[in-house]
N, C-alpha and C. Protein backbone atom coordinates (compact mmCIF):
# COMPACT_ATOMS: atom_id res chain seq x y z
N MET A 1 0.82 -1.19 0.00
CA MET A 1 0.00 0.00 0.00
C MET A 1 0.88 1.26 0.00
N ARG A 2 1.92 1.22 0.80
CA ARG A 2 2.82 2.37 0.89
C ARG A 2 3.53 2.59 -0.45
N ASN A 3 3.93 1.51 -1.10
CA ASN A 3 4.62 1.62 -2.39
C ASN A 3 3.70 2.20 -3.46
N VAL A 4 2.45 1.81 -3.44
CA VAL A 4 1.49 2.33 -4.41
C VAL A 4 1.30 3.83 -4.21
N LEU A 5 1.21 4.26 -2.98
CA LEU A 5 1.05 5.67 -2.68
C LEU A 5 2.27 6.48 -3.12
N LEU A 6 3.45 5.99 -2.83
CA LEU A 6 4.68 6.67 -3.25
C LEU A 6 4.81 6.72 -4.77
N THR A 7 4.45 5.63 -5.41
CA THR A 7 4.51 5.58 -6.88
C THR A 7 3.53 6.57 -7.48
N SER A 8 2.33 6.66 -6.92
CA SER A 8 1.33 7.60 -7.42
C SER A 8 1.81 9.04 -7.29
N ILE A 9 2.39 9.35 -6.15
CA ILE A 9 2.90 10.71 -5.93
C ILE A 9 4.03 11.01 -6.90
N LEU A 10 4.90 10.06 -7.13
CA LEU A 10 6.01 10.24 -8.06
C LEU A 10 5.50 10.47 -9.48
N VAL A 11 4.53 9.68 -9.91
CA VAL A 11 3.98 9.82 -11.27
C VAL A 11 3.29 11.18 -11.42
N LEU A 12 2.51 11.58 -10.44
CA LEU A 12 1.84 12.88 -10.51
C LEU A 12 2.85 14.02 -10.53
N GLY A 13 3.89 13.90 -9.73
CA GLY A 13 4.92 14.93 -9.71
C GLY A 13 5.64 15.06 -11.04
N LEU A 14 5.98 13.92 -11.62
CA LEU A 14 6.67 13.94 -12.91
C LEU A 14 5.77 14.46 -14.03
N SER A 15 4.51 14.08 -14.02
CA SER A 15 3.61 14.56 -15.07
C SER A 15 3.38 16.06 -14.95
N ALA A 16 3.36 16.57 -13.74
CA ALA A 16 3.20 18.01 -13.55
C ALA A 16 4.42 18.77 -14.04
N CYS A 17 5.59 18.20 -13.87
CA CYS A 17 6.82 18.85 -14.32
C CYS A 17 6.99 18.75 -15.83
N ALA A 18 6.44 17.74 -16.44
CA ALA A 18 6.64 17.52 -17.87
C ALA A 18 5.88 18.53 -18.72
N GLN A 19 4.74 19.00 -18.29
CA GLN A 19 3.93 19.91 -19.09
C GLN A 19 4.63 21.23 -19.39
N PRO A 20 5.15 21.96 -18.43
CA PRO A 20 5.82 23.22 -18.75
C PRO A 20 7.05 23.03 -19.64
N ARG A 21 7.75 21.95 -19.48
CA ARG A 21 8.93 21.73 -20.31
C ARG A 21 8.55 21.51 -21.76
N ALA A 22 7.42 20.91 -22.02
CA ALA A 22 6.98 20.69 -23.39
C ALA A 22 6.71 22.03 -24.07
N VAL A 23 6.14 22.97 -23.34
CA VAL A 23 5.88 24.29 -23.90
C VAL A 23 7.18 25.05 -24.11
N VAL A 24 8.10 24.96 -23.17
CA VAL A 24 9.38 25.64 -23.28
C VAL A 24 10.21 25.03 -24.40
N ALA A 25 10.09 23.72 -24.60
CA ALA A 25 10.86 23.05 -25.64
C ALA A 25 10.43 23.51 -27.03
N ASN A 26 9.21 23.99 -27.17
CA ASN A 26 8.71 24.44 -28.46
C ASN A 26 8.21 25.88 -28.33
N PRO A 27 9.12 26.86 -28.31
CA PRO A 27 8.71 28.25 -28.10
C PRO A 27 7.90 28.83 -29.25
N SER A 28 7.99 28.24 -30.45
CA SER A 28 7.23 28.78 -31.57
C SER A 28 5.73 28.64 -31.32
N VAL A 29 5.32 27.57 -30.65
CA VAL A 29 3.91 27.40 -30.33
C VAL A 29 3.47 28.46 -29.34
N LEU A 30 4.30 28.72 -28.35
CA LEU A 30 3.98 29.74 -27.35
C LEU A 30 3.93 31.12 -27.99
N GLU A 31 4.88 31.43 -28.86
CA GLU A 31 4.89 32.72 -29.53
C GLU A 31 3.68 32.87 -30.44
N LYS A 32 3.30 31.80 -31.12
CA LYS A 32 2.16 31.85 -32.02
C LYS A 32 0.88 32.14 -31.23
N ASN A 33 0.73 31.49 -30.08
CA ASN A 33 -0.45 31.73 -29.25
C ASN A 33 -0.46 33.15 -28.72
N ASP A 34 0.70 33.66 -28.29
CA ASP A 34 0.78 35.04 -27.80
C ASP A 34 0.45 36.03 -28.91
N THR A 35 0.95 35.76 -30.11
CA THR A 35 0.67 36.64 -31.24
C THR A 35 -0.81 36.67 -31.55
N LYS A 36 -1.45 35.50 -31.54
CA LYS A 36 -2.89 35.46 -31.81
C LYS A 36 -3.66 36.21 -30.74
N ASN A 37 -3.24 36.09 -29.49
CA ASN A 37 -3.93 36.81 -28.41
C ASN A 37 -3.79 38.31 -28.58
N VAL A 38 -2.58 38.76 -28.91
CA VAL A 38 -2.34 40.20 -29.09
C VAL A 38 -3.14 40.71 -30.28
N LEU A 39 -3.10 39.99 -31.39
CA LEU A 39 -3.85 40.42 -32.56
C LEU A 39 -5.35 40.37 -32.30
N GLY A 40 -5.79 39.40 -31.53
CA GLY A 40 -7.21 39.32 -31.18
C GLY A 40 -7.65 40.52 -30.37
N GLU A 41 -6.82 40.93 -29.42
CA GLU A 41 -7.13 42.11 -28.62
C GLU A 41 -7.14 43.36 -29.48
N LYS A 42 -6.17 43.47 -30.39
CA LYS A 42 -6.13 44.64 -31.27
C LYS A 42 -7.32 44.65 -32.22
N CYS A 43 -7.74 43.48 -32.67
CA CYS A 43 -8.90 43.37 -33.55
C CYS A 43 -10.15 43.85 -32.82
N GLU A 44 -10.36 43.36 -31.61
CA GLU A 44 -11.53 43.77 -30.83
C GLU A 44 -11.49 45.27 -30.54
N ASP A 45 -10.31 45.80 -30.24
CA ASP A 45 -10.17 47.22 -29.97
C ASP A 45 -10.48 48.05 -31.22
N ALA A 46 -10.00 47.59 -32.38
CA ALA A 46 -10.26 48.31 -33.62
C ALA A 46 -11.76 48.32 -33.94
N LYS A 47 -12.44 47.21 -33.72
CA LYS A 47 -13.89 47.15 -33.94
C LYS A 47 -14.62 48.10 -32.99
N TYR A 48 -14.18 48.11 -31.74
CA TYR A 48 -14.80 49.00 -30.74
C TYR A 48 -14.60 50.46 -31.13
N GLN A 49 -13.38 50.80 -31.55
CA GLN A 49 -13.10 52.18 -31.95
C GLN A 49 -13.95 52.59 -33.15
N LEU A 50 -14.14 51.68 -34.10
CA LEU A 50 -14.98 51.98 -35.26
C LEU A 50 -16.42 52.22 -34.83
N ASP A 51 -16.96 51.35 -34.01
CA ASP A 51 -18.33 51.52 -33.53
C ASP A 51 -18.50 52.84 -32.78
N LYS A 52 -17.54 53.15 -31.94
CA LYS A 52 -17.59 54.38 -31.14
C LYS A 52 -17.53 55.61 -32.05
N THR A 53 -16.67 55.56 -33.06
CA THR A 53 -16.52 56.68 -33.98
C THR A 53 -17.79 56.90 -34.79
N VAL A 54 -18.40 55.81 -35.25
CA VAL A 54 -19.63 55.92 -36.03
C VAL A 54 -20.76 56.47 -35.15
N GLU A 55 -20.86 56.01 -33.92
CA GLU A 55 -21.89 56.51 -33.01
C GLU A 55 -21.73 58.01 -32.76
N GLU A 56 -20.49 58.46 -32.66
CA GLU A 56 -20.24 59.88 -32.41
C GLU A 56 -20.37 60.72 -33.67
N GLY A 57 -20.45 60.09 -34.83
CA GLY A 57 -20.61 60.80 -36.08
C GLY A 57 -19.32 61.35 -36.65
N GLN A 58 -18.19 60.90 -36.18
CA GLN A 58 -16.90 61.35 -36.69
C GLN A 58 -16.52 60.48 -37.89
N LEU A 59 -16.56 61.06 -39.05
CA LEU A 59 -16.31 60.29 -40.26
C LEU A 59 -14.88 60.43 -40.78
N SER A 60 -14.10 61.33 -40.20
CA SER A 60 -12.76 61.57 -40.73
C SER A 60 -11.80 60.42 -40.48
N ASP A 61 -11.99 59.65 -39.41
CA ASP A 61 -11.07 58.58 -39.06
C ASP A 61 -11.48 57.21 -39.60
N LEU A 62 -12.54 57.14 -40.37
CA LEU A 62 -13.05 55.84 -40.80
C LEU A 62 -12.06 55.06 -41.66
N ARG A 63 -11.33 55.74 -42.50
CA ARG A 63 -10.38 55.05 -43.37
C ARG A 63 -9.28 54.36 -42.56
N GLU A 64 -8.75 55.06 -41.57
CA GLU A 64 -7.71 54.48 -40.72
C GLU A 64 -8.27 53.34 -39.87
N LEU A 65 -9.46 53.50 -39.36
CA LEU A 65 -10.08 52.44 -38.55
C LEU A 65 -10.36 51.20 -39.39
N LYS A 66 -10.80 51.41 -40.62
CA LYS A 66 -11.05 50.28 -41.52
C LYS A 66 -9.74 49.54 -41.81
N ARG A 67 -8.67 50.29 -42.01
CA ARG A 67 -7.37 49.67 -42.25
C ARG A 67 -6.92 48.85 -41.04
N ASN A 68 -7.13 49.37 -39.84
CA ASN A 68 -6.76 48.63 -38.63
C ASN A 68 -7.54 47.33 -38.51
N ILE A 69 -8.82 47.38 -38.81
CA ILE A 69 -9.64 46.16 -38.74
C ILE A 69 -9.14 45.14 -39.75
N GLU A 70 -8.89 45.60 -40.97
CA GLU A 70 -8.39 44.67 -41.99
C GLU A 70 -7.05 44.08 -41.58
N LEU A 71 -6.18 44.90 -41.03
CA LEU A 71 -4.85 44.45 -40.64
C LEU A 71 -4.91 43.45 -39.49
N TYR A 72 -5.56 43.80 -38.40
CA TYR A 72 -5.53 42.96 -37.21
C TYR A 72 -6.48 41.76 -37.30
N CYS A 73 -7.66 41.95 -37.86
CA CYS A 73 -8.64 40.86 -37.87
C CYS A 73 -8.31 39.80 -38.93
N VAL A 74 -7.76 40.21 -40.06
CA VAL A 74 -7.38 39.23 -41.08
C VAL A 74 -6.19 38.42 -40.61
N TRP A 75 -5.20 39.07 -40.00
CA TRP A 75 -4.03 38.32 -39.50
C TRP A 75 -4.43 37.37 -38.39
N ARG A 76 -5.44 37.73 -37.62
CA ARG A 76 -5.88 36.88 -36.52
C ARG A 76 -6.43 35.56 -37.05
N ARG A 77 -7.12 35.61 -38.18
CA ARG A 77 -7.71 34.38 -38.74
C ARG A 77 -6.65 33.45 -39.30
N ASN A 78 -5.54 33.99 -39.77
CA ASN A 78 -4.51 33.14 -40.41
C ASN A 78 -3.64 32.46 -39.45
C-alpha cells in the first residue's frame, strides 16, 4: 500500500513537471499563441473604436479604422 502511494505521488509529480517543459521546448507554439492573443485584442479594440466613432458621427477617421480592422482581424484568422 505504501509503495502504491509513493509511486502515485512520483507519477503525478513527474507529469506536472513535464507539461511546462513541453511548452518551453517548443517556443514557436507559445509565440504563435501570444501573437494570436495580441492580434485578437487589437482586432476587438479596432472594432470597438470603429463603432464608437460611427456613433459619435466622426467620419474623418473611418479610413484608418477600416485599415486597422483589416490588418488585425485578417491576421488573426490566419
